[in-house]
N, C-alpha and C. Protein backbone atom coordinates (compact mmCIF):
# COMPACT_ATOMS: atom_id res chain seq x y z
N MET A 1 24.43 -15.80 -3.16
CA MET A 1 25.13 -16.41 -4.08
C MET A 1 26.00 -17.15 -3.86
N ALA A 2 26.89 -16.65 -3.29
CA ALA A 2 27.78 -17.88 -3.11
C ALA A 2 27.83 -18.61 -2.39
N ALA A 3 26.60 -19.22 -2.02
CA ALA A 3 25.92 -20.35 -1.28
C ALA A 3 25.99 -21.80 -2.52
N VAL A 4 25.13 -20.75 -3.11
CA VAL A 4 24.47 -21.69 -4.46
C VAL A 4 25.94 -22.64 -5.07
N GLY A 5 26.98 -21.17 -4.97
CA GLY A 5 28.27 -22.02 -5.62
C GLY A 5 28.86 -23.18 -4.36
N ALA A 6 28.67 -22.75 -3.62
CA ALA A 6 28.86 -23.98 -2.42
C ALA A 6 28.68 -24.85 -2.28
N LEU A 7 27.41 -25.13 -2.60
CA LEU A 7 26.80 -25.80 -2.48
C LEU A 7 27.13 -26.77 -3.97
N ALA A 8 27.24 -26.19 -4.68
CA ALA A 8 28.05 -26.94 -5.85
C ALA A 8 29.06 -27.46 -6.04
N ALA A 9 29.66 -27.20 -5.14
CA ALA A 9 30.99 -27.56 -5.22
C ALA A 9 31.42 -28.40 -4.17
N ALA A 10 29.69 -28.23 -2.78
CA ALA A 10 30.02 -29.51 -1.73
C ALA A 10 30.03 -30.92 -2.85
N GLY A 11 28.91 -30.80 -3.67
CA GLY A 11 28.34 -31.69 -4.33
C GLY A 11 29.40 -32.29 -5.37
N LEU A 12 29.69 -32.45 -5.45
CA LEU A 12 31.40 -32.27 -5.99
C LEU A 12 32.05 -32.88 -5.54
N ALA A 13 32.73 -32.16 -4.68
CA ALA A 13 33.37 -33.13 -3.19
C ALA A 13 33.04 -34.45 -2.97
N TRP A 14 31.77 -34.43 -2.71
CA TRP A 14 30.79 -35.64 -2.18
C TRP A 14 31.13 -36.67 -3.53
N LEU A 15 30.92 -36.09 -4.57
CA LEU A 15 31.45 -37.60 -5.70
C LEU A 15 32.88 -37.95 -6.07
N GLY A 16 33.80 -36.93 -5.33
CA GLY A 16 34.90 -37.35 -5.28
C GLY A 16 36.09 -36.07 -6.34
N VAL A 17 35.38 -35.49 -6.57
CA VAL A 17 35.80 -34.80 -7.61
C VAL A 17 37.19 -33.67 -7.06
N GLY A 18 38.30 -33.14 -7.46
CA GLY A 18 39.67 -32.81 -6.43
C GLY A 18 38.87 -31.17 -6.12
N LEU A 19 39.82 -30.60 -6.01
CA LEU A 19 39.76 -29.72 -5.12
C LEU A 19 39.42 -28.28 -6.71
N VAL A 20 40.53 -28.47 -7.99
CA VAL A 20 40.29 -27.83 -8.60
C VAL A 20 38.91 -27.81 -9.65
N GLY A 21 38.76 -28.83 -9.49
CA GLY A 21 37.00 -28.75 -10.11
C GLY A 21 36.25 -28.19 -8.94
N GLN A 22 36.13 -28.36 -7.49
CA GLN A 22 35.56 -27.83 -6.69
C GLN A 22 35.38 -26.31 -7.00
N LEU A 23 36.97 -25.93 -7.01
CA LEU A 23 36.94 -24.21 -6.89
C LEU A 23 36.34 -23.43 -8.14
N THR A 24 36.48 -24.30 -9.59
CA THR A 24 36.13 -24.12 -10.68
C THR A 24 34.73 -23.98 -10.61
N ALA A 25 33.99 -25.66 -9.83
CA ALA A 25 32.48 -24.92 -10.74
C ALA A 25 32.06 -23.96 -8.83
N PHE A 26 33.11 -24.00 -8.47
CA PHE A 26 32.23 -23.03 -7.01
C PHE A 26 31.98 -21.12 -7.94
N THR A 27 33.35 -21.06 -8.68
CA THR A 27 32.82 -19.87 -9.33
C THR A 27 32.61 -19.36 -10.60
N LEU A 28 32.27 -21.29 -11.37
CA LEU A 28 31.28 -20.61 -12.32
C LEU A 28 29.79 -20.89 -11.72
N VAL A 29 29.01 -21.36 -10.83
CA VAL A 29 27.76 -21.87 -10.55
C VAL A 29 27.85 -20.00 -10.75
N THR A 30 28.76 -19.35 -9.06
CA THR A 30 28.45 -18.58 -8.23
C THR A 30 28.27 -17.19 -9.69
N VAL A 31 28.97 -17.14 -10.34
CA VAL A 31 29.28 -16.04 -11.07
C VAL A 31 27.77 -15.88 -11.83
N ALA A 32 27.62 -17.20 -12.44
CA ALA A 32 26.14 -17.57 -13.46
C ALA A 32 24.91 -16.73 -12.21
N THR A 33 25.26 -17.58 -11.16
CA THR A 33 23.77 -17.28 -10.43
C THR A 33 23.78 -15.74 -10.12
N LEU A 34 25.17 -14.97 -10.04
CA LEU A 34 24.91 -14.01 -9.43
C LEU A 34 24.06 -12.70 -11.35
N ALA A 35 24.31 -13.37 -12.38
CA ALA A 35 24.49 -13.03 -13.46
C ALA A 35 23.01 -13.25 -13.94
N PHE A 36 22.48 -14.31 -12.95
CA PHE A 36 20.80 -14.04 -13.49
C PHE A 36 20.12 -13.67 -12.24
N VAL A 37 20.12 -13.63 -11.13
CA VAL A 37 19.45 -13.12 -10.12
C VAL A 37 19.78 -11.64 -9.84
N ARG A 38 20.67 -11.33 -10.01
CA ARG A 38 20.99 -9.98 -9.97
C ARG A 38 20.41 -8.97 -10.37
N PRO A 39 19.62 -9.10 -12.15
CA PRO A 39 19.06 -8.25 -12.53
C PRO A 39 17.46 -8.68 -11.66
N ILE A 40 16.78 -9.34 -11.32
CA ILE A 40 15.66 -9.89 -11.00
C ILE A 40 15.48 -8.54 -9.87
N ALA A 41 16.67 -9.36 -8.01
CA ALA A 41 16.95 -8.87 -7.82
C ALA A 41 16.43 -7.26 -7.50
N LYS A 42 17.19 -6.25 -8.74
CA LYS A 42 17.39 -5.19 -8.58
C LYS A 42 15.77 -4.41 -9.25
N ARG A 43 15.39 -4.79 -9.83
CA ARG A 43 14.18 -4.48 -10.30
C ARG A 43 12.79 -4.99 -9.49
N HIS A 44 13.25 -5.88 -8.26
CA HIS A 44 12.62 -5.49 -8.06
C HIS A 44 12.35 -4.26 -6.40
N LEU A 45 13.68 -4.06 -5.99
CA LEU A 45 14.24 -3.66 -5.07
C LEU A 45 13.60 -2.01 -5.34
N ARG A 46 13.04 -1.65 -6.85
CA ARG A 46 12.91 -0.47 -7.63
C ARG A 46 11.24 -0.51 -6.68
N THR A 47 11.11 0.70 -6.25
CA THR A 47 9.44 1.04 -5.59
C THR A 47 9.31 2.10 -6.26
N THR A 48 8.27 2.15 -6.99
CA THR A 48 8.01 3.82 -7.49
C THR A 48 6.77 3.87 -6.25
N SER A 49 6.00 5.28 -6.91
CA SER A 49 5.07 5.63 -6.01
C SER A 49 3.99 5.24 -6.32
N SER A 50 4.16 5.19 -7.77
CA SER A 50 2.44 4.55 -8.56
C SER A 50 2.65 2.61 -7.87
N GLN A 51 3.64 2.09 -7.94
CA GLN A 51 3.55 0.48 -7.25
C GLN A 51 3.89 0.85 -5.53
N ARG A 52 3.82 1.05 -5.13
CA ARG A 52 3.34 0.95 -3.54
C ARG A 52 1.72 0.43 -3.04
N THR A 53 1.86 0.00 -2.15
CA THR A 53 0.92 -1.15 -1.89
C THR A 53 0.69 -0.51 -0.45
N GLY A 54 -1.14 -1.15 0.13
CA GLY A 54 -1.45 -0.79 1.10
C GLY A 54 -1.56 0.45 1.70
N VAL A 55 -1.10 0.64 2.87
CA VAL A 55 -0.98 2.05 3.76
C VAL A 55 -0.05 3.37 3.12
N ALA A 56 0.94 2.91 2.25
CA ALA A 56 2.03 3.82 2.03
C ALA A 56 1.47 4.64 0.62
N ALA A 57 0.63 3.25 -0.17
CA ALA A 57 -0.38 3.78 -1.65
C ALA A 57 -0.64 5.16 -1.20
N LEU A 58 -1.22 5.39 0.01
CA LEU A 58 -2.97 6.16 0.22
C LEU A 58 -1.36 7.57 0.76
N VAL A 59 0.07 7.89 0.87
CA VAL A 59 0.37 9.18 1.57
C VAL A 59 0.02 9.60 -0.02
N GLY A 60 -0.42 11.13 0.18
CA GLY A 60 0.17 12.00 -1.02
C GLY A 60 -1.07 11.76 -1.85
N GLN A 61 -2.09 10.55 -1.24
CA GLN A 61 -3.80 11.26 -2.51
C GLN A 61 -4.21 11.99 -1.72
N SER A 62 -5.11 12.81 -2.51
CA SER A 62 -5.87 13.54 -2.04
C SER A 62 -7.14 12.82 -1.79
N ALA A 63 -8.05 13.81 -0.99
CA ALA A 63 -8.72 13.48 0.01
C ALA A 63 -10.09 14.18 0.35
N THR A 64 -11.54 13.96 0.40
CA THR A 64 -13.07 15.03 0.74
C THR A 64 -12.93 15.01 2.04
N VAL A 65 -12.57 16.23 3.02
CA VAL A 65 -13.40 16.25 4.44
C VAL A 65 -14.82 15.70 4.62
N VAL A 66 -14.79 14.91 5.38
CA VAL A 66 -16.70 14.25 5.79
C VAL A 66 -17.42 15.08 6.69
N SER A 67 -16.47 14.85 8.03
CA SER A 67 -16.50 15.20 9.20
C SER A 67 -15.53 16.22 9.98
N THR A 68 -16.21 17.73 9.94
CA THR A 68 -14.18 18.57 10.85
C THR A 68 -13.64 17.55 11.38
N VAL A 69 -12.25 17.61 10.94
CA VAL A 69 -11.02 17.52 10.85
C VAL A 69 -10.18 18.61 11.75
N ASN A 70 -9.86 18.40 12.52
CA ASN A 70 -8.88 19.01 13.98
C ASN A 70 -7.32 18.12 14.54
N ALA A 71 -6.99 18.71 15.51
CA ALA A 71 -6.03 18.14 15.60
C ALA A 71 -6.72 16.67 16.82
N ASP A 72 -7.73 16.77 17.04
CA ASP A 72 -8.17 15.91 17.48
C ASP A 72 -9.35 14.51 16.91
N ALA A 73 -9.78 15.01 16.08
CA ALA A 73 -10.52 14.26 15.52
C ALA A 73 -11.39 14.70 14.32
N GLY A 74 -12.08 13.52 13.21
CA GLY A 74 -12.19 13.87 12.15
C GLY A 74 -12.79 12.63 11.06
N GLN A 75 -13.27 13.33 9.93
CA GLN A 75 -13.35 12.16 8.45
C GLN A 75 -12.93 12.37 7.94
N ILE A 76 -12.75 11.81 6.20
CA ILE A 76 -12.37 11.70 5.37
C ILE A 76 -12.33 11.21 4.92
N LYS A 77 -13.01 11.53 3.29
CA LYS A 77 -13.18 10.03 1.87
C LYS A 77 -12.07 9.42 1.25
N LEU A 78 -11.54 8.86 1.79
CA LEU A 78 -10.25 8.42 0.56
C LEU A 78 -10.32 7.02 0.06
N ALA A 79 -10.01 7.55 -1.30
CA ALA A 79 -10.34 6.02 -1.79
C ALA A 79 -11.17 5.49 -1.89
N GLY A 80 -12.33 6.18 -1.46
CA GLY A 80 -14.01 5.57 -1.71
C GLY A 80 -14.03 4.87 0.05
N GLU A 81 -13.42 4.92 0.51
CA GLU A 81 -13.80 4.73 2.04
C GLU A 81 -13.13 5.50 3.01
N ILE A 82 -14.48 5.85 3.92
CA ILE A 82 -14.30 6.58 5.43
C ILE A 82 -13.08 6.26 6.29
N TRP A 83 -11.95 7.67 6.08
CA TRP A 83 -11.17 7.42 7.10
C TRP A 83 -11.16 8.11 8.51
N SER A 84 -10.94 7.51 9.65
CA SER A 84 -10.58 9.05 10.69
C SER A 84 -9.23 9.26 10.48
N ALA A 85 -9.58 10.84 10.74
CA ALA A 85 -8.48 11.67 10.70
C ALA A 85 -7.99 13.36 11.55
N ARG A 86 -7.23 13.73 11.27
CA ARG A 86 -6.14 14.75 12.11
C ARG A 86 -5.40 15.32 11.39
N ALA A 87 -6.08 16.54 11.92
CA ALA A 87 -4.90 17.99 11.13
C ALA A 87 -3.17 17.49 11.29
N TRP A 88 -2.46 17.40 10.15
CA TRP A 88 -1.57 17.44 10.45
C TRP A 88 -0.75 18.47 11.26
N ASP A 89 -1.15 20.10 10.92
CA ASP A 89 -1.04 21.16 11.92
C ASP A 89 -2.36 21.16 13.14
N GLY A 90 -1.71 21.20 14.25
CA GLY A 90 -2.74 20.94 14.99
C GLY A 90 -3.63 22.26 15.25
N ASP A 91 -3.61 23.07 14.72
CA ASP A 91 -3.86 24.31 15.00
C ASP A 91 -5.50 24.58 14.38
N GLU A 92 -4.76 23.49 13.14
CA GLU A 92 -5.68 24.00 12.17
C GLU A 92 -7.04 22.97 12.19
N VAL A 93 -8.09 23.86 11.09
CA VAL A 93 -9.45 23.43 11.60
C VAL A 93 -9.98 23.29 9.88
N ILE A 94 -10.52 21.86 9.69
CA ILE A 94 -10.93 21.63 8.22
C ILE A 94 -12.46 21.41 8.37
N GLU A 95 -13.02 22.60 7.64
CA GLU A 95 -14.36 21.97 7.33
C GLU A 95 -14.82 21.20 6.33
N PRO A 96 -15.91 20.33 6.40
CA PRO A 96 -16.24 18.99 5.62
C PRO A 96 -16.58 20.16 4.19
N GLY A 97 -15.92 19.31 2.93
CA GLY A 97 -15.97 19.40 1.61
C GLY A 97 -14.43 20.11 1.38
N ALA A 98 -13.75 20.52 1.97
CA ALA A 98 -12.38 20.83 1.50
C ALA A 98 -11.80 19.43 1.35
N ARG A 99 -10.60 20.40 0.64
CA ARG A 99 -9.65 18.65 -0.09
C ARG A 99 -8.46 18.95 0.73
N VAL A 100 -8.60 18.12 0.94
CA VAL A 100 -6.59 17.43 2.04
C VAL A 100 -5.58 16.41 1.11
N GLU A 101 -5.25 16.13 1.39
CA GLU A 101 -4.07 15.65 1.30
C GLU A 101 -3.35 14.95 2.35
N VAL A 102 -3.46 13.87 1.99
CA VAL A 102 -2.62 12.71 3.21
C VAL A 102 -1.42 12.76 3.38
N VAL A 103 -0.39 13.29 4.57
CA VAL A 103 0.38 13.14 4.74
C VAL A 103 1.28 12.04 5.32
N LYS A 104 0.34 11.81 6.14
CA LYS A 104 0.74 10.26 7.01
C LYS A 104 0.08 9.61 7.22
N ILE A 105 -0.08 8.21 7.57
CA ILE A 105 -0.68 7.15 7.92
C ILE A 105 -0.53 6.62 9.57
N GLU A 106 -0.85 7.24 10.35
CA GLU A 106 -0.58 6.62 11.61
C GLU A 106 -1.88 5.40 12.45
N GLY A 107 -1.56 4.15 12.38
CA GLY A 107 -2.60 3.23 12.59
C GLY A 107 -3.68 3.30 11.64
N ALA A 108 -4.80 3.61 11.85
CA ALA A 108 -6.03 4.17 10.98
C ALA A 108 -6.41 5.24 11.12
N THR A 109 -6.06 6.74 11.00
CA THR A 109 -6.25 7.30 11.76
C THR A 109 -4.91 7.75 10.12
N ALA A 110 -5.47 8.74 8.98
CA ALA A 110 -4.47 9.93 8.57
C ALA A 110 -4.72 11.45 8.67
N LEU A 111 -3.22 11.76 8.37
CA LEU A 111 -2.89 13.26 9.13
C LEU A 111 -2.60 13.87 7.78
N VAL A 112 -3.87 15.05 7.76
CA VAL A 112 -4.34 15.41 6.54
C VAL A 112 -3.23 16.67 6.36
N LEU A 113 -3.32 17.55 5.27
CA LEU A 113 -2.80 19.12 5.52
C LEU A 113 -3.98 19.66 4.24
N LYS A 114 -4.89 20.77 4.53
CA LYS A 114 -5.42 21.45 3.84
C LYS A 114 -5.50 21.86 2.25
N GLY A 115 -5.76 22.25 1.61
CA GLY A 115 -5.68 22.84 0.39
C GLY A 115 -4.76 21.99 -0.74
N VAL A 116 -5.49 20.89 -1.28
CA VAL A 116 -4.66 20.63 -2.10
C VAL A 116 -5.48 21.28 -3.49
């Protein structure tokens, strides 16, 4: 924000305006830029779970086991697609047809917990 004010002051200096005019322009343009840009930036920085995109949006979703899921391998149907999956709890074996919750995505593999 201050960079925009500095550019305005530099432009006035180039035109031969005195120091007081440059400082006034710097202050006014910086405050105006902050007042305009800050609310927009705050709105874009807030990301709720419903606004997540990509694989981040899949965490917390429920899925159906397609082939047995254990600590090493398995498949689930998640958001209409078949994903490779592993059990979050390494000792757990989840049979086909069971409902699971996606805890984490590692690469192209979903880590899941049974019992959604």
